Amino acid sequence: MLRLSCKALGAAGLLAFFAASGLRAELTWANREVQYEAKLDEESIRLVFAFTNATRQPVTLTEIETSCGCTAATSAKKIYAPGEQGQIDVIFDAKGTAGVQQKTIYVRTSDAAEATALTFKVNVPAWLEITPRLIWWRTGDKNSLKDSIVTLTEPAKIKLTAASVDGDAFTATIVPEPDGRRYRIVVQPVATTGPAQATVTVVAELAGGESRKYVIFAQVR
């Protein structure tokens, strides 16, 4: 049977007391998860994770890591005195993304056994939707016109400026719809006597100059 001396019990009690009294060097976070709705023209998104050193000891930030190269995280300094407030400043590069983007920052302190995980979710609005992404014909079919429909998220801010085809097996033309929101990308194979494939590149431009490229696939099978 395991027996503890009074001295051992006393030491254990003191350790428990110190832990309960907030003597461990840990940070108190205002939020460990942040959600953000991005605007259509936002490429660089700034977020903040605020904290307080609510203990009786200085806390040292030893390392700040991010889950991907599209995210940068920094702090103004490394050591925070008891009662001092600080923050982790985050910059997320949202260029070329769409939908919900979830990333994690890991913050390590001088005497914590594990890193603190901070998570943010950014909903990046899509510029447009394309349906379908694949247009195809059977070998021997008539080389009829087929199309994909491009629907703009905010037609007042976005416009289609070009549609090009790699190679000479297909042609592609942009046809705007009367509602101003939709465009038809009309594709036609030059011939259907044998298998062929091409990539149709559609260019969308945001008011202000930024542009993005989207792809539609065309095949004769």
C-alpha atoms as a PDB file:
ATOM      1  CA  MET A   1       0.000   0.000   0.000  1.00  0.00           C
ATOM      2  CA  LEU A   2       1.293   3.446  -0.923  1.00  0.00           C
ATOM      3  CA  ARG A   3       1.828   5.737   2.073  1.00  0.00           C
ATOM      4  CA  LEU A   4       2.608   9.425   1.993  1.00  0.00           C
ATOM      5  CA  SER A   5       4.394  11.270   4.762  1.00  0.00           C
ATOM      6  CA  CYS A   6       3.000  14.454   6.210  1.00  0.00           C
ATOM      7  CA  LYS A   7       5.758  16.393   4.470  1.00  0.00           C
ATOM      8  CA  ALA A   8       4.832  14.848   1.121  1.00  0.00           C
ATOM      9  CA  LEU A   9       1.174  15.565   1.682  1.00  0.00           C
ATOM     10  CA  GLY A  10       2.052  19.120   2.656  1.00  0.00           C
ATOM     11  CA  ALA A  11       4.116  19.636  -0.496  1.00  0.00           C
ATOM     12  CA  ALA A  12       1.355  18.213  -2.646  1.00  0.00           C
ATOM     13  CA  GLY A  13      -1.132  20.495  -0.970  1.00  0.00           C
ATOM     14  CA  LEU A  14       1.032  23.534  -1.630  1.00  0.00           C
ATOM     15  CA  LEU A  15       1.371  22.621  -5.296  1.00  0.00           C
ATOM     16  CA  ALA A  16      -2.390  22.240  -5.609  1.00  0.00           C
ATOM     17  CA  PHE A  17      -2.860  25.567  -3.845  1.00  0.00           C
ATOM     18  CA  PHE A  18      -0.446  27.348  -6.171  1.00  0.00           C
ATOM     19  CA  ALA A  19      -2.160  25.917  -9.242  1.00  0.00           C
ATOM     20  CA  ALA A  20      -5.594  26.929  -7.943  1.00  0.00           C
ATOM     21  CA  SER A  21      -4.303  30.386  -7.023  1.00  0.00           C
ATOM     22  CA  GLY A  22      -3.411  31.189 -10.624  1.00  0.00           C
ATOM     23  CA  LEU A  23       0.359  31.021 -10.199  1.00  0.00           C
ATOM     24  CA  ARG A  24       0.834  29.077 -13.418  1.00  0.00           C
ATOM     25  CA  ALA A  25       1.936  31.276 -16.279  1.00  0.00           C
ATOM     26  CA  GLU A  26      -1.068  30.978 -18.568  1.00  0.00           C
ATOM     27  CA  LEU A  27      -2.894  33.481 -20.724  1.00  0.00           C
ATOM     28  CA  THR A  28      -6.621  34.168 -20.640  1.00  0.00           C
ATOM     29  CA  TRP A  29      -8.032  34.577 -24.158  1.00  0.00           C
ATOM     30  CA  ALA A  30     -10.988  36.783 -25.054  1.00  0.00           C
ATOM     31  CA  ASN A  31     -11.788  34.348 -27.894  1.00  0.00           C
ATOM     32  CA  ARG A  32     -10.050  31.273 -29.205  1.00  0.00           C
ATOM     33  CA  GLU A  33     -12.223  31.150 -32.308  1.00  0.00           C
ATOM     34  CA  VAL A  34     -13.030  34.072 -34.597  1.00  0.00           C
ATOM     35  CA  GLN A  35     -15.470  34.140 -37.532  1.00  0.00           C
ATOM     36  CA  TYR A  36     -15.395  36.778 -40.249  1.00  0.00           C
ATOM     37  CA  GLU A  37     -17.486  37.557 -43.338  1.00  0.00           C
ATOM     38  CA  ALA A  38     -15.146  38.894 -46.013  1.00  0.00           C
ATOM     39  CA  LYS A  39     -16.139  41.466 -48.595  1.00  0.00           C
ATOM     40  CA  LEU A  40     -15.950  40.737 -52.302  1.00  0.00           C
ATOM     41  CA  ASP A  41     -12.848  42.884 -52.856  1.00  0.00           C
ATOM     42  CA  GLU A  42     -10.956  41.934 -49.676  1.00  0.00           C
ATOM     43  CA  GLU A  43      -7.690  40.170 -50.384  1.00  0.00           C
ATOM     44  CA  SER A  44      -5.814  40.774 -47.129  1.00  0.00           C
ATOM     45  CA  ILE A  45      -7.894  40.113 -44.008  1.00  0.00           C
ATOM     46  CA  ARG A  46      -6.733  41.246 -40.571  1.00  0.00           C
ATOM     47  CA  LEU A  47      -7.924  39.502 -37.402  1.00  0.00           C
ATOM     48  CA  VAL A  48      -7.039  39.845 -33.715  1.00  0.00           C
ATOM     49  CA  PHE A  49      -6.899  37.359 -30.842  1.00  0.00           C
ATOM     50  CA  ALA A  50      -6.752  39.355 -27.587  1.00  0.00           C
ATOM     51  CA  PHE A  51      -5.402  37.953 -24.314  1.00  0.00           C
ATOM     52  CA  THR A  52      -4.616  38.931 -20.729  1.00  0.00           C
ATOM     53  CA  ASN A  53      -1.944  37.654 -18.394  1.00  0.00           C
ATOM     54  CA  ALA A  54      -4.282  37.023 -15.461  1.00  0.00           C
ATOM     55  CA  THR A  55      -1.577  35.282 -13.393  1.00  0.00           C
ATOM     56  CA  ARG A  56       0.994  36.563 -10.893  1.00  0.00           C
ATOM     57  CA  GLN A  57       3.977  35.776 -13.078  1.00  0.00           C
ATOM     58  CA  PRO A  58       5.363  37.140 -16.339  1.00  0.00           C
ATOM     59  CA  VAL A  59       4.420  35.061 -19.390  1.00  0.00           C
ATOM     60  CA  THR A  60       6.787  34.605 -22.341  1.00  0.00           C
ATOM     61  CA  LEU A  61       5.519  33.806 -25.830  1.00  0.00           C
ATOM     62  CA  THR A  62       8.109  31.350 -27.128  1.00  0.00           C
ATOM     63  CA  GLU A  63       6.631  30.452 -30.522  1.00  0.00           C
ATOM     64  CA  ILE A  64       3.746  31.341 -32.839  1.00  0.00           C
ATOM     65  CA  GLU A  65       3.011  28.927 -35.694  1.00  0.00           C
ATOM     66  CA  THR A  66       0.375  28.988 -38.429  1.00  0.00           C
ATOM     67  CA  SER A  67      -1.225  26.077 -40.258  1.00  0.00           C
ATOM     68  CA  CYS A  68      -0.446  27.398 -43.760  1.00  0.00           C
ATOM     69  CA  GLY A  69       1.705  29.862 -45.656  1.00  0.00           C
ATOM     70  CA  CYS A  70      -1.335  32.040 -46.445  1.00  0.00           C
ATOM     71  CA  THR A  71      -1.506  33.124 -42.787  1.00  0.00           C
ATOM     72  CA  ALA A  72       0.938  35.315 -40.836  1.00  0.00           C
ATOM     73  CA  ALA A  73       0.663  35.782 -37.057  1.00  0.00           C
ATOM     74  CA  THR A  74       2.724  38.067 -34.823  1.00  0.00           C
ATOM     75  CA  SER A  75       2.716  39.687 -31.384  1.00  0.00           C
ATOM     76  CA  ALA A  76       4.030  43.121 -30.438  1.00  0.00           C
ATOM     77  CA  LYS A  77       6.454  41.614 -27.924  1.00  0.00           C
ATOM     78  CA  LYS A  78       7.336  38.358 -26.181  1.00  0.00           C
ATOM     79  CA  ILE A  79       7.069  38.979 -22.419  1.00  0.00           C
ATOM     80  CA  TYR A  80       3.857  40.119 -20.714  1.00  0.00           C
ATOM     81  CA  ALA A  81       3.747  41.199 -17.080  1.00  0.00           C
ATOM     82  CA  PRO A  82       1.024  40.091 -14.647  1.00  0.00           C
ATOM     83  CA  GLY A  83      -2.235  41.832 -15.549  1.00  0.00           C
ATOM     84  CA  GLU A  84      -0.908  43.040 -18.898  1.00  0.00           C
ATOM     85  CA  GLN A  85      -2.981  42.718 -22.046  1.00  0.00           C
ATOM     86  CA  GLY A  86      -1.786  41.831 -25.516  1.00  0.00           C
ATOM     87  CA  GLN A  87      -2.912  40.361 -28.810  1.00  0.00           C
ATOM     88  CA  ILE A  88      -1.928  38.095 -31.670  1.00  0.00           C
ATOM     89  CA  ASP A  89      -2.253  39.992 -34.941  1.00  0.00           C
ATOM     90  CA  VAL A  90      -3.220  37.784 -37.882  1.00  0.00           C
ATOM     91  CA  ILE A  91      -3.111  38.545 -41.608  1.00  0.00           C
ATOM     92  CA  PHE A  92      -4.845  36.055 -43.915  1.00  0.00           C
ATOM     93  CA  ASP A  93      -4.196  36.216 -47.662  1.00  0.00           C
ATOM     94  CA  ALA A  94      -7.603  35.412 -49.180  1.00  0.00           C
ATOM     95  CA  LYS A  95      -6.633  36.057 -52.802  1.00  0.00           C
ATOM     96  CA  GLY A  96      -7.889  33.313 -55.099  1.00  0.00           C
ATOM     97  CA  THR A  97      -9.997  31.605 -52.412  1.00  0.00           C
ATOM     98  CA  ALA A  98     -13.761  31.184 -52.075  1.00  0.00           C
ATOM     99  CA  GLY A  99     -16.069  29.699 -49.458  1.00  0.00           C
ATOM    100  CA  VAL A 100     -15.273  29.042 -45.792  1.00  0.00           C
ATOM    101  CA  GLN A 101     -11.536  29.095 -45.073  1.00  0.00           C
ATOM    102  CA  GLN A 102     -10.511  27.661 -41.689  1.00  0.00           C
ATOM    103  CA  LYS A 103      -6.975  28.126 -40.357  1.00  0.00           C
ATOM    104  CA  THR A 104      -5.256  27.569 -37.004  1.00  0.00           C
ATOM    105  CA  ILE A 105      -2.559  29.465 -35.105  1.00  0.00           C
ATOM    106  CA  TYR A 106      -0.563  27.686 -32.387  1.00  0.00           C
ATOM    107  CA  VAL A 107       0.802  29.805 -29.533  1.00  0.00           C
ATOM    108  CA  ARG A 108       3.393  28.370 -27.146  1.00  0.00           C
ATOM    109  CA  THR A 109       4.403  29.933 -23.841  1.00  0.00           C
ATOM    110  CA  SER A 110       7.438  29.415 -21.645  1.00  0.00           C
ATOM    111  CA  ASP A 111       6.050  26.898 -19.151  1.00  0.00           C
ATOM    112  CA  ALA A 112       2.919  25.493 -20.801  1.00  0.00           C
ATOM    113  CA  ALA A 113       3.083  21.824 -21.755  1.00  0.00           C
ATOM    114  CA  GLU A 114       0.945  22.267 -24.875  1.00  0.00           C
ATOM    115  CA  ALA A 115       0.358  24.998 -27.410  1.00  0.00           C
ATOM    116  CA  THR A 116      -2.867  27.008 -27.389  1.00  0.00           C
ATOM    117  CA  ALA A 117      -4.803  26.553 -30.639  1.00  0.00           C
ATOM    118  CA  LEU A 118      -6.518  29.649 -32.043  1.00  0.00           C
ATOM    119  CA  THR A 119      -8.884  29.118 -34.970  1.00  0.00           C
ATOM    120  CA  PHE A 120     -10.451  31.496 -37.446  1.00  0.00           C
ATOM    121  CA  LYS A 121     -13.085  30.894 -40.108  1.00  0.00           C
ATOM    122  CA  VAL A 122     -13.354  33.383 -42.949  1.00  0.00           C
ATOM    123  CA  ASN A 123     -16.217  33.147 -45.421  1.00  0.00           C
ATOM    124  CA  VAL A 124     -14.841  34.449 -48.725  1.00  0.00           C
ATOM    125  CA  PRO A 125     -17.576  35.251 -51.272  1.00  0.00           C
ATOM    126  CA  ALA A 126     -17.223  33.616 -54.679  1.00  0.00           C
ATOM    127  CA  TRP A 127     -17.076  35.927 -57.668  1.00  0.00           C
ATOM    128  CA  LEU A 128     -19.149  33.642 -59.850  1.00  0.00           C
ATOM    129  CA  GLU A 129     -20.520  30.173 -60.474  1.00  0.00           C
ATOM    130  CA  ILE A 130     -20.108  28.109 -63.656  1.00  0.00           C
ATOM    131  CA  THR A 131     -22.499  25.304 -64.632  1.00  0.00           C
ATOM    132  CA  PRO A 132     -21.501  22.909 -66.091  1.00  0.00           C
ATOM    133  CA  ARG A 133     -17.711  22.876 -65.915  1.00  0.00           C
ATOM    134  CA  LEU A 134     -17.475  20.095 -68.505  1.00  0.00           C
ATOM    135  CA  ILE A 135     -19.042  20.246 -71.988  1.00  0.00           C
ATOM    136  CA  TRP A 136     -18.720  17.190 -74.214  1.00  0.00           C
ATOM    137  CA  TRP A 137     -19.771  15.531 -77.469  1.00  0.00           C
ATOM    138  CA  ARG A 138     -19.661  11.945 -78.634  1.00  0.00           C
ATOM    139  CA  THR A 139     -17.424  11.090 -81.565  1.00  0.00           C
ATOM    140  CA  GLY A 140     -19.526  11.264 -84.716  1.00  0.00           C
ATOM    141  CA  ASP A 141     -22.162  13.595 -83.228  1.00  0.00           C
ATOM    142  CA  LYS A 142     -23.090  16.822 -84.984  1.00  0.00           C
ATOM    143  CA  ASN A 143     -20.719  19.596 -83.929  1.00  0.00           C
ATOM    144  CA  SER A 144     -23.546  21.591 -82.376  1.00  0.00           C
ATOM    145  CA  LEU A 145     -23.227  24.613 -80.068  1.00  0.00           C
ATOM    146  CA  LYS A 146     -23.267  23.902 -76.344  1.00  0.00           C
ATOM    147  CA  ASP A 147     -22.853  26.282 -73.432  1.00  0.00           C
ATOM    148  CA  SER A 148     -21.952  26.803 -69.806  1.00  0.00           C
ATOM    149  CA  ILE A 149     -23.805  29.394 -67.732  1.00  0.00           C
ATOM    150  CA  VAL A 150     -21.726  31.871 -65.735  1.00  0.00           C
ATOM    151  CA  THR A 151     -23.649  33.592 -62.906  1.00  0.00           C
ATOM    152  CA  LEU A 152     -22.019  36.623 -61.289  1.00  0.00           C
ATOM    153  CA  THR A 153     -22.288  37.127 -57.526  1.00  0.00           C
ATOM    154  CA  GLU A 154     -22.377  40.931 -57.782  1.00  0.00           C
ATOM    155  CA  PRO A 155     -22.868  42.033 -61.405  1.00  0.00           C
ATOM    156  CA  ALA A 156     -22.462  45.702 -60.483  1.00  0.00           C
ATOM    157  CA  LYS A 157     -18.841  44.999 -59.462  1.00  0.00           C
ATOM    158  CA  ILE A 158     -17.804  42.108 -61.736  1.00  0.00           C
ATOM    159  CA  LYS A 159     -17.755  41.606 -65.474  1.00  0.00           C
ATOM    160  CA  LEU A 160     -16.514  38.929 -67.865  1.00  0.00           C
ATOM    161  CA  THR A 161     -13.840  40.287 -70.173  1.00  0.00           C
ATOM    162  CA  ALA A 162     -12.593  37.317 -72.204  1.00  0.00           C
ATOM    163  CA  ALA A 163     -12.976  33.660 -73.105  1.00  0.00           C
ATOM    164  CA  SER A 164     -10.115  31.874 -74.863  1.00  0.00           C
ATOM    165  CA  VAL A 165      -9.403  28.307 -75.968  1.00  0.00           C
ATOM    166  CA  ASP A 166      -6.063  26.525 -75.934  1.00  0.00           C
ATOM    167  CA  GLY A 167      -5.536  24.956 -79.336  1.00  0.00           C
ATOM    168  CA  ASP A 168      -7.709  25.109 -82.434  1.00  0.00           C
ATOM    169  CA  ALA A 169     -10.077  22.150 -81.912  1.00  0.00           C
ATOM    170  CA  PHE A 170     -12.824  24.298 -80.327  1.00  0.00           C
ATOM    171  CA  THR A 171     -14.166  27.843 -80.413  1.00  0.00           C
ATOM    172  CA  ALA A 172     -15.675  29.811 -77.512  1.00  0.00           C
ATOM    173  CA  THR A 173     -17.780  32.977 -77.387  1.00  0.00           C
ATOM    174  CA  ILE A 174     -19.206  35.071 -74.525  1.00  0.00           C
ATOM    175  CA  VAL A 175     -22.917  35.851 -74.868  1.00  0.00           C
ATOM    176  CA  PRO A 176     -24.375  38.132 -72.129  1.00  0.00           C
ATOM    177  CA  GLU A 177     -27.917  37.458 -70.925  1.00  0.00           C
ATOM    178  CA  PRO A 178     -30.426  40.356 -70.634  1.00  0.00           C
ATOM    179  CA  ASP A 179     -30.556  40.186 -66.808  1.00  0.00           C
ATOM    180  CA  GLY A 180     -26.931  41.404 -66.595  1.00  0.00           C
ATOM    181  CA  ARG A 181     -26.076  38.694 -64.083  1.00  0.00           C
ATOM    182  CA  ARG A 182     -25.605  35.712 -66.367  1.00  0.00           C
ATOM    183  CA  TYR A 183     -23.398  34.968 -69.341  1.00  0.00           C
ATOM    184  CA  ARG A 184     -23.420  32.024 -71.730  1.00  0.00           C
ATOM    185  CA  ILE A 185     -20.031  30.643 -72.737  1.00  0.00           C
ATOM    186  CA  VAL A 186     -20.906  29.089 -76.109  1.00  0.00           C
ATOM    187  CA  VAL A 187     -18.494  26.341 -77.173  1.00  0.00           C
ATOM    188  CA  GLN A 188     -18.320  24.437 -80.438  1.00  0.00           C
ATOM    189  CA  PRO A 189     -15.938  21.739 -81.687  1.00  0.00           C
ATOM    190  CA  VAL A 190     -14.489  22.290 -85.149  1.00  0.00           C
ATOM    191  CA  ALA A 191     -15.128  18.603 -85.874  1.00  0.00           C
ATOM    192  CA  THR A 192     -16.288  15.493 -84.017  1.00  0.00           C
ATOM    193  CA  THR A 193     -14.669  12.880 -86.225  1.00  0.00           C
ATOM    194  CA  GLY A 194     -12.227  11.895 -83.488  1.00  0.00           C
ATOM    195  CA  PRO A 195     -11.386  12.507 -79.813  1.00  0.00           C
ATOM    196  CA  ALA A 196     -10.371  16.051 -78.884  1.00  0.00           C
ATOM    197  CA  GLN A 197     -10.114  18.137 -75.751  1.00  0.00           C
ATOM    198  CA  ALA A 198      -9.411  21.730 -74.782  1.00  0.00           C
ATOM    199  CA  THR A 199      -9.505  24.149 -71.889  1.00  0.00           C
ATOM    200  CA  VAL A 200     -11.676  27.249 -72.132  1.00  0.00           C
ATOM    201  CA  THR A 201     -10.313  30.028 -69.910  1.00  0.00           C
ATOM    202  CA  VAL A 202     -12.807  32.668 -68.775  1.00  0.00           C
ATOM    203  CA  VAL A 203     -11.495  35.943 -67.350  1.00  0.00           C
ATOM    204  CA  ALA A 204     -13.525  37.909 -64.801  1.00  0.00           C
ATOM    205  CA  GLU A 205     -12.554  41.416 -63.733  1.00  0.00           C
ATOM    206  CA  LEU A 206     -13.466  43.268 -60.562  1.00  0.00           C
ATOM    207  CA  ALA A 207     -14.039  47.019 -60.632  1.00  0.00           C
ATOM    208  CA  GLY A 208     -10.646  48.389 -59.632  1.00  0.00           C
ATOM    209  CA  GLY A 209      -8.546  46.141 -61.814  1.00  0.00           C
ATOM    210  CA  GLU A 210      -8.151  42.750 -60.129  1.00  0.00           C
ATOM    211  CA  SER A 211      -8.869  39.786 -62.401  1.00  0.00           C
ATOM    212  CA  ARG A 212      -9.332  36.053 -61.964  1.00  0.00           C
ATOM    213  CA  LYS A 213      -9.305  33.140 -64.390  1.00  0.00           C
ATOM    214  CA  TYR A 214     -11.761  30.249 -64.417  1.00  0.00           C
ATOM    215  CA  VAL A 215     -11.668  27.054 -66.450  1.00  0.00           C
ATOM    216  CA  ILE A 216     -14.273  25.117 -68.463  1.00  0.00           C
ATOM    217  CA  PHE A 217     -13.335  21.785 -70.049  1.00  0.00           C
ATOM    218  CA  ALA A 218     -14.452  20.788 -73.545  1.00  0.00           C
ATOM    219  CA  GLN A 219     -14.132  17.230 -74.906  1.00  0.00           C
ATOM    220  CA  VAL A 220     -15.072  15.070 -77.857  1.00  0.00           C
ATOM    221  CA  ARG A 221     -15.131  11.488 -76.590  1.00  0.00           C
END
